[in-house]
Amino acid sequence: MKRIRLLTVLARHAHMIRFMSSLALSVLLAAPSAHADNALPAIQVYRSPGCSCCEKWIQHLRQAGFTVRSQDARNLSALRAQLSVPKSVAGCHTAKMGAYVIEGHVPADQVKHLLREKPDVVGISVPGMPVGSPGMEGPGGHEYDVMVWRKDGSTSVFAREKPLAR
């Protein structure tokens, strides 16, 4: 009799354990994962063929967790015109990330800042090729501005960056 009671109790415990395990698994599967929430969008880069600083900037983005595809473009000026990039913010290369345009050597942290803030802008840029920006590391760098531009062509400073060391 004691043996039957013991088996009955064990069976109930086993059933309860299976039920709780199933419930826990259901909760985990239903909850959005932190990884999915933090997934970064892919970036498509258009660059001049053989440009080494563009390749360094792409590596900088990849190290920051972005998936980056690169394509040589023979006419970046036409692409910039198509994407409404003002000449005043033109940089070394042009990239698309969702609805945003990224122009030049923009630091990955500022790209992430753009994604967090979601401002109503066309894009973000580091005009020119300032020494000390990602992909342009080297001695003699100076602080530089990260700019944004809007549909009406107006621009403003989004952030000020310190130069990166080599």
C-alpha atoms as a PDB file:
ATOM      1  CA  MET A   1       0.000   0.000   0.000  1.00  0.00           C
ATOM      2  CA  LYS A   2       2.838   2.381   0.880  1.00  0.00           C
ATOM      3  CA  ARG A   3       4.483   1.511  -2.405  1.00  0.00           C
ATOM      4  CA  ILE A   4       1.333   2.405  -4.380  1.00  0.00           C
ATOM      5  CA  ARG A   5       1.026   5.729  -2.534  1.00  0.00           C
ATOM      6  CA  LEU A   6       4.669   6.492  -3.223  1.00  0.00           C
ATOM      7  CA  LEU A   7       4.238   5.718  -6.927  1.00  0.00           C
ATOM      8  CA  THR A   8       1.111   7.888  -7.044  1.00  0.00           C
ATOM      9  CA  VAL A   9       2.955  10.801  -5.422  1.00  0.00           C
ATOM     10  CA  LEU A  10       5.913  10.403  -7.785  1.00  0.00           C
ATOM     11  CA  ALA A  11       3.595  10.276 -10.789  1.00  0.00           C
ATOM     12  CA  ARG A  12       1.907  13.499  -9.668  1.00  0.00           C
ATOM     13  CA  HIS A  13       5.305  15.160  -9.209  1.00  0.00           C
ATOM     14  CA  ALA A  14       6.467  14.008 -12.628  1.00  0.00           C
ATOM     15  CA  HIS A  15       3.259  15.331 -14.183  1.00  0.00           C
ATOM     16  CA  MET A  16       3.717  18.651 -12.342  1.00  0.00           C
ATOM     17  CA  ILE A  17       7.351  18.899 -13.471  1.00  0.00           C
ATOM     18  CA  ARG A  18       6.358  18.260 -17.112  1.00  0.00           C
ATOM     19  CA  PHE A  19       3.576  20.847 -16.817  1.00  0.00           C
ATOM     20  CA  MET A  20       5.884  23.493 -15.279  1.00  0.00           C
ATOM     21  CA  SER A  21       8.596  22.788 -17.850  1.00  0.00           C
ATOM     22  CA  SER A  22       6.072  23.136 -20.642  1.00  0.00           C
ATOM     23  CA  LEU A  23       4.742  26.368 -19.156  1.00  0.00           C
ATOM     24  CA  ALA A  24       8.245  27.812 -18.759  1.00  0.00           C
ATOM     25  CA  LEU A  25       9.122  26.908 -22.347  1.00  0.00           C
ATOM     26  CA  SER A  26       5.917  28.543 -23.601  1.00  0.00           C
ATOM     27  CA  VAL A  27       6.735  31.753 -21.745  1.00  0.00           C
ATOM     28  CA  LEU A  28      10.267  31.822 -23.112  1.00  0.00           C
ATOM     29  CA  LEU A  29       9.128  31.237 -26.675  1.00  0.00           C
ATOM     30  CA  ALA A  30       6.397  33.856 -26.465  1.00  0.00           C
ATOM     31  CA  ALA A  31       8.655  36.556 -25.028  1.00  0.00           C
ATOM     32  CA  PRO A  32      10.604  38.628 -27.540  1.00  0.00           C
ATOM     33  CA  SER A  33      14.296  37.998 -27.186  1.00  0.00           C
ATOM     34  CA  ALA A  34      16.687  40.738 -26.189  1.00  0.00           C
ATOM     35  CA  HIS A  35      18.814  39.811 -29.199  1.00  0.00           C
ATOM     36  CA  ALA A  36      15.940  40.415 -31.615  1.00  0.00           C
ATOM     37  CA  ASP A  37      15.188  43.798 -30.038  1.00  0.00           C
ATOM     38  CA  ASN A  38      18.810  44.864 -30.386  1.00  0.00           C
ATOM     39  CA  ALA A  39      19.346  43.541 -33.906  1.00  0.00           C
ATOM     40  CA  LEU A  40      20.995  46.178 -36.060  1.00  0.00           C
ATOM     41  CA  PRO A  41      19.778  46.783 -39.602  1.00  0.00           C
ATOM     42  CA  ALA A  42      21.968  45.882 -42.557  1.00  0.00           C
ATOM     43  CA  ILE A  43      23.904  48.650 -44.266  1.00  0.00           C
ATOM     44  CA  GLN A  44      24.512  48.758 -48.031  1.00  0.00           C
ATOM     45  CA  VAL A  45      27.670  50.726 -48.867  1.00  0.00           C
ATOM     46  CA  TYR A  46      28.407  52.231 -52.287  1.00  0.00           C
ATOM     47  CA  ARG A  47      32.034  53.223 -52.736  1.00  0.00           C
ATOM     48  CA  SER A  48      34.694  54.043 -55.283  1.00  0.00           C
ATOM     49  CA  PRO A  49      36.448  50.911 -56.535  1.00  0.00           C
ATOM     50  CA  GLY A  50      39.615  50.082 -54.589  1.00  0.00           C
ATOM     51  CA  CYS A  51      39.171  52.738 -51.880  1.00  0.00           C
ATOM     52  CA  SER A  52      41.043  51.496 -48.797  1.00  0.00           C
ATOM     53  CA  CYS A  53      39.558  54.007 -46.334  1.00  0.00           C
ATOM     54  CA  CYS A  54      36.064  52.836 -47.293  1.00  0.00           C
ATOM     55  CA  GLU A  55      37.088  49.262 -46.517  1.00  0.00           C
ATOM     56  CA  LYS A  56      38.409  50.381 -43.114  1.00  0.00           C
ATOM     57  CA  TRP A  57      35.091  52.140 -42.367  1.00  0.00           C
ATOM     58  CA  ILE A  58      33.186  48.991 -43.348  1.00  0.00           C
ATOM     59  CA  GLN A  59      35.361  46.984 -40.928  1.00  0.00           C
ATOM     60  CA  HIS A  60      34.626  49.577 -38.220  1.00  0.00           C
ATOM     61  CA  LEU A  61      30.874  49.062 -38.730  1.00  0.00           C
ATOM     62  CA  ARG A  62      31.202  45.277 -38.706  1.00  0.00           C
ATOM     63  CA  GLN A  63      33.182  45.391 -35.453  1.00  0.00           C
ATOM     64  CA  ALA A  64      30.294  47.411 -33.988  1.00  0.00           C
ATOM     65  CA  GLY A  65      27.841  44.638 -34.898  1.00  0.00           C
ATOM     66  CA  PHE A  66      26.430  45.802 -38.220  1.00  0.00           C
ATOM     67  CA  THR A  67      25.996  43.558 -41.239  1.00  0.00           C
ATOM     68  CA  VAL A  68      27.515  45.435 -44.157  1.00  0.00           C
ATOM     69  CA  ARG A  69      27.326  44.778 -47.883  1.00  0.00           C
ATOM     70  CA  SER A  70      29.632  46.699 -50.172  1.00  0.00           C
ATOM     71  CA  GLN A  71      29.253  47.537 -53.850  1.00  0.00           C
ATOM     72  CA  ASP A  72      31.592  49.457 -56.134  1.00  0.00           C
ATOM     73  CA  ALA A  73      29.918  52.473 -57.718  1.00  0.00           C
ATOM     74  CA  ARG A  74      31.478  54.345 -60.603  1.00  0.00           C
ATOM     75  CA  ASN A  75      29.211  57.396 -60.273  1.00  0.00           C
ATOM     76  CA  LEU A  76      28.687  58.325 -56.627  1.00  0.00           C
ATOM     77  CA  SER A  77      27.621  61.868 -57.604  1.00  0.00           C
ATOM     78  CA  ALA A  78      24.576  60.522 -59.473  1.00  0.00           C
ATOM     79  CA  LEU A  79      23.734  58.217 -56.567  1.00  0.00           C
ATOM     80  CA  ARG A  80      23.991  61.122 -54.106  1.00  0.00           C
ATOM     81  CA  ALA A  81      21.678  63.219 -56.271  1.00  0.00           C
ATOM     82  CA  GLN A  82      19.185  60.337 -56.404  1.00  0.00           C
ATOM     83  CA  LEU A  83      19.318  60.010 -52.584  1.00  0.00           C
ATOM     84  CA  SER A  84      19.004  63.804 -52.011  1.00  0.00           C
ATOM     85  CA  VAL A  85      22.435  64.200 -50.420  1.00  0.00           C
ATOM     86  CA  PRO A  86      23.359  67.923 -50.351  1.00  0.00           C
ATOM     87  CA  LYS A  87      26.815  68.676 -51.767  1.00  0.00           C
ATOM     88  CA  SER A  88      27.715  70.394 -48.481  1.00  0.00           C
ATOM     89  CA  VAL A  89      27.578  67.071 -46.588  1.00  0.00           C
ATOM     90  CA  ALA A  90      29.135  64.808 -49.255  1.00  0.00           C
ATOM     91  CA  GLY A  91      31.747  62.403 -47.973  1.00  0.00           C
ATOM     92  CA  CYS A  92      33.894  59.589 -49.257  1.00  0.00           C
ATOM     93  CA  HIS A  93      31.180  56.945 -49.754  1.00  0.00           C
ATOM     94  CA  THR A  94      27.416  56.622 -49.539  1.00  0.00           C
ATOM     95  CA  ALA A  95      25.378  54.011 -47.681  1.00  0.00           C
ATOM     96  CA  LYS A  96      21.725  53.091 -47.179  1.00  0.00           C
ATOM     97  CA  MET A  97      20.331  51.740 -43.927  1.00  0.00           C
ATOM     98  CA  GLY A  98      16.573  51.340 -44.036  1.00  0.00           C
ATOM     99  CA  ALA A  99      15.099  54.783 -44.720  1.00  0.00           C
ATOM    100  CA  TYR A 100      18.332  56.587 -43.783  1.00  0.00           C
ATOM    101  CA  VAL A 101      21.337  57.586 -45.880  1.00  0.00           C
ATOM    102  CA  ILE A 102      24.792  57.487 -44.293  1.00  0.00           C
ATOM    103  CA  GLU A 103      27.362  59.687 -45.989  1.00  0.00           C
ATOM    104  CA  GLY A 104      31.091  59.462 -45.321  1.00  0.00           C
ATOM    105  CA  HIS A 105      33.047  58.227 -42.307  1.00  0.00           C
ATOM    106  CA  VAL A 106      30.264  58.352 -39.699  1.00  0.00           C
ATOM    107  CA  PRO A 107      31.249  56.602 -36.427  1.00  0.00           C
ATOM    108  CA  ALA A 108      29.232  53.455 -35.683  1.00  0.00           C
ATOM    109  CA  ASP A 109      28.194  54.908 -32.305  1.00  0.00           C
ATOM    110  CA  GLN A 110      26.569  57.846 -34.106  1.00  0.00           C
ATOM    111  CA  VAL A 111      24.769  55.473 -36.484  1.00  0.00           C
ATOM    112  CA  LYS A 112      23.413  53.654 -33.408  1.00  0.00           C
ATOM    113  CA  HIS A 113      22.484  57.022 -31.871  1.00  0.00           C
ATOM    114  CA  LEU A 114      20.519  57.805 -35.050  1.00  0.00           C
ATOM    115  CA  LEU A 115      18.699  54.474 -34.739  1.00  0.00           C
ATOM    116  CA  ARG A 116      17.819  55.137 -31.086  1.00  0.00           C
ATOM    117  CA  GLU A 117      16.639  58.728 -31.618  1.00  0.00           C
ATOM    118  CA  LYS A 118      14.921  58.174 -35.003  1.00  0.00           C
ATOM    119  CA  PRO A 119      14.985  61.852 -35.972  1.00  0.00           C
ATOM    120  CA  ASP A 120      12.972  63.026 -38.976  1.00  0.00           C
ATOM    121  CA  VAL A 121      15.996  63.412 -41.233  1.00  0.00           C
ATOM    122  CA  VAL A 122      17.115  62.018 -44.576  1.00  0.00           C
ATOM    123  CA  GLY A 123      20.535  61.062 -43.344  1.00  0.00           C
ATOM    124  CA  ILE A 124      23.672  61.487 -41.310  1.00  0.00           C
ATOM    125  CA  SER A 125      27.088  62.542 -42.582  1.00  0.00           C
ATOM    126  CA  VAL A 126      30.697  63.255 -41.846  1.00  0.00           C
ATOM    127  CA  PRO A 127      31.482  65.668 -44.701  1.00  0.00           C
ATOM    128  CA  GLY A 128      34.802  65.289 -46.473  1.00  0.00           C
ATOM    129  CA  MET A 129      37.390  62.871 -45.150  1.00  0.00           C
ATOM    130  CA  PRO A 130      38.542  64.199 -41.773  1.00  0.00           C
ATOM    131  CA  VAL A 131      41.659  62.629 -40.318  1.00  0.00           C
ATOM    132  CA  GLY A 132      40.700  60.852 -37.120  1.00  0.00           C
ATOM    133  CA  SER A 133      37.298  59.634 -38.315  1.00  0.00           C
ATOM    134  CA  PRO A 134      36.705  55.847 -38.605  1.00  0.00           C
ATOM    135  CA  GLY A 135      38.657  54.594 -41.596  1.00  0.00           C
ATOM    136  CA  MET A 136      40.797  57.750 -41.599  1.00  0.00           C
ATOM    137  CA  GLU A 137      42.697  57.160 -38.359  1.00  0.00           C
ATOM    138  CA  GLY A 138      46.089  58.803 -38.156  1.00  0.00           C
ATOM    139  CA  PRO A 139      48.166  61.506 -36.532  1.00  0.00           C
ATOM    140  CA  GLY A 140      47.024  65.104 -36.692  1.00  0.00           C
ATOM    141  CA  GLY A 141      43.300  64.462 -36.391  1.00  0.00           C
ATOM    142  CA  HIS A 142      40.975  67.146 -35.112  1.00  0.00           C
ATOM    143  CA  GLU A 143      37.447  67.165 -33.716  1.00  0.00           C
ATOM    144  CA  TYR A 144      34.846  66.976 -36.456  1.00  0.00           C
ATOM    145  CA  ASP A 145      31.092  67.377 -36.801  1.00  0.00           C
ATOM    146  CA  VAL A 146      28.590  64.664 -37.582  1.00  0.00           C
ATOM    147  CA  MET A 147      25.821  66.337 -39.548  1.00  0.00           C
ATOM    148  CA  VAL A 148      22.215  65.470 -40.389  1.00  0.00           C
ATOM    149  CA  TRP A 149      20.144  66.806 -43.247  1.00  0.00           C
ATOM    150  CA  ARG A 150      16.425  67.088 -43.813  1.00  0.00           C
ATOM    151  CA  LYS A 151      14.128  66.793 -46.821  1.00  0.00           C
ATOM    152  CA  ASP A 152      14.229  70.572 -47.322  1.00  0.00           C
ATOM    153  CA  GLY A 153      18.046  70.393 -47.603  1.00  0.00           C
ATOM    154  CA  SER A 154      18.706  72.085 -44.253  1.00  0.00           C
ATOM    155  CA  THR A 155      21.563  70.708 -42.173  1.00  0.00           C
ATOM    156  CA  SER A 156      22.527  70.776 -38.517  1.00  0.00           C
ATOM    157  CA  VAL A 157      25.154  69.321 -36.230  1.00  0.00           C
ATOM    158  CA  PHE A 158      24.062  65.973 -34.773  1.00  0.00           C
ATOM    159  CA  ALA A 159      27.226  65.381 -32.725  1.00  0.00           C
ATOM    160  CA  ARG A 160      30.826  66.473 -32.302  1.00  0.00           C
ATOM    161  CA  GLU A 161      33.446  63.708 -32.367  1.00  0.00           C
ATOM    162  CA  LYS A 162      36.984  63.489 -31.087  1.00  0.00           C
ATOM    163  CA  PRO A 163      39.515  61.972 -33.497  1.00  0.00           C
ATOM    164  CA  LEU A 164      40.424  58.299 -33.250  1.00  0.00           C
ATOM    165  CA  ALA A 165      44.074  57.397 -32.740  1.00  0.00           C
ATOM    166  CA  ARG A 166      45.833  55.029 -35.079  1.00  0.00           C
END
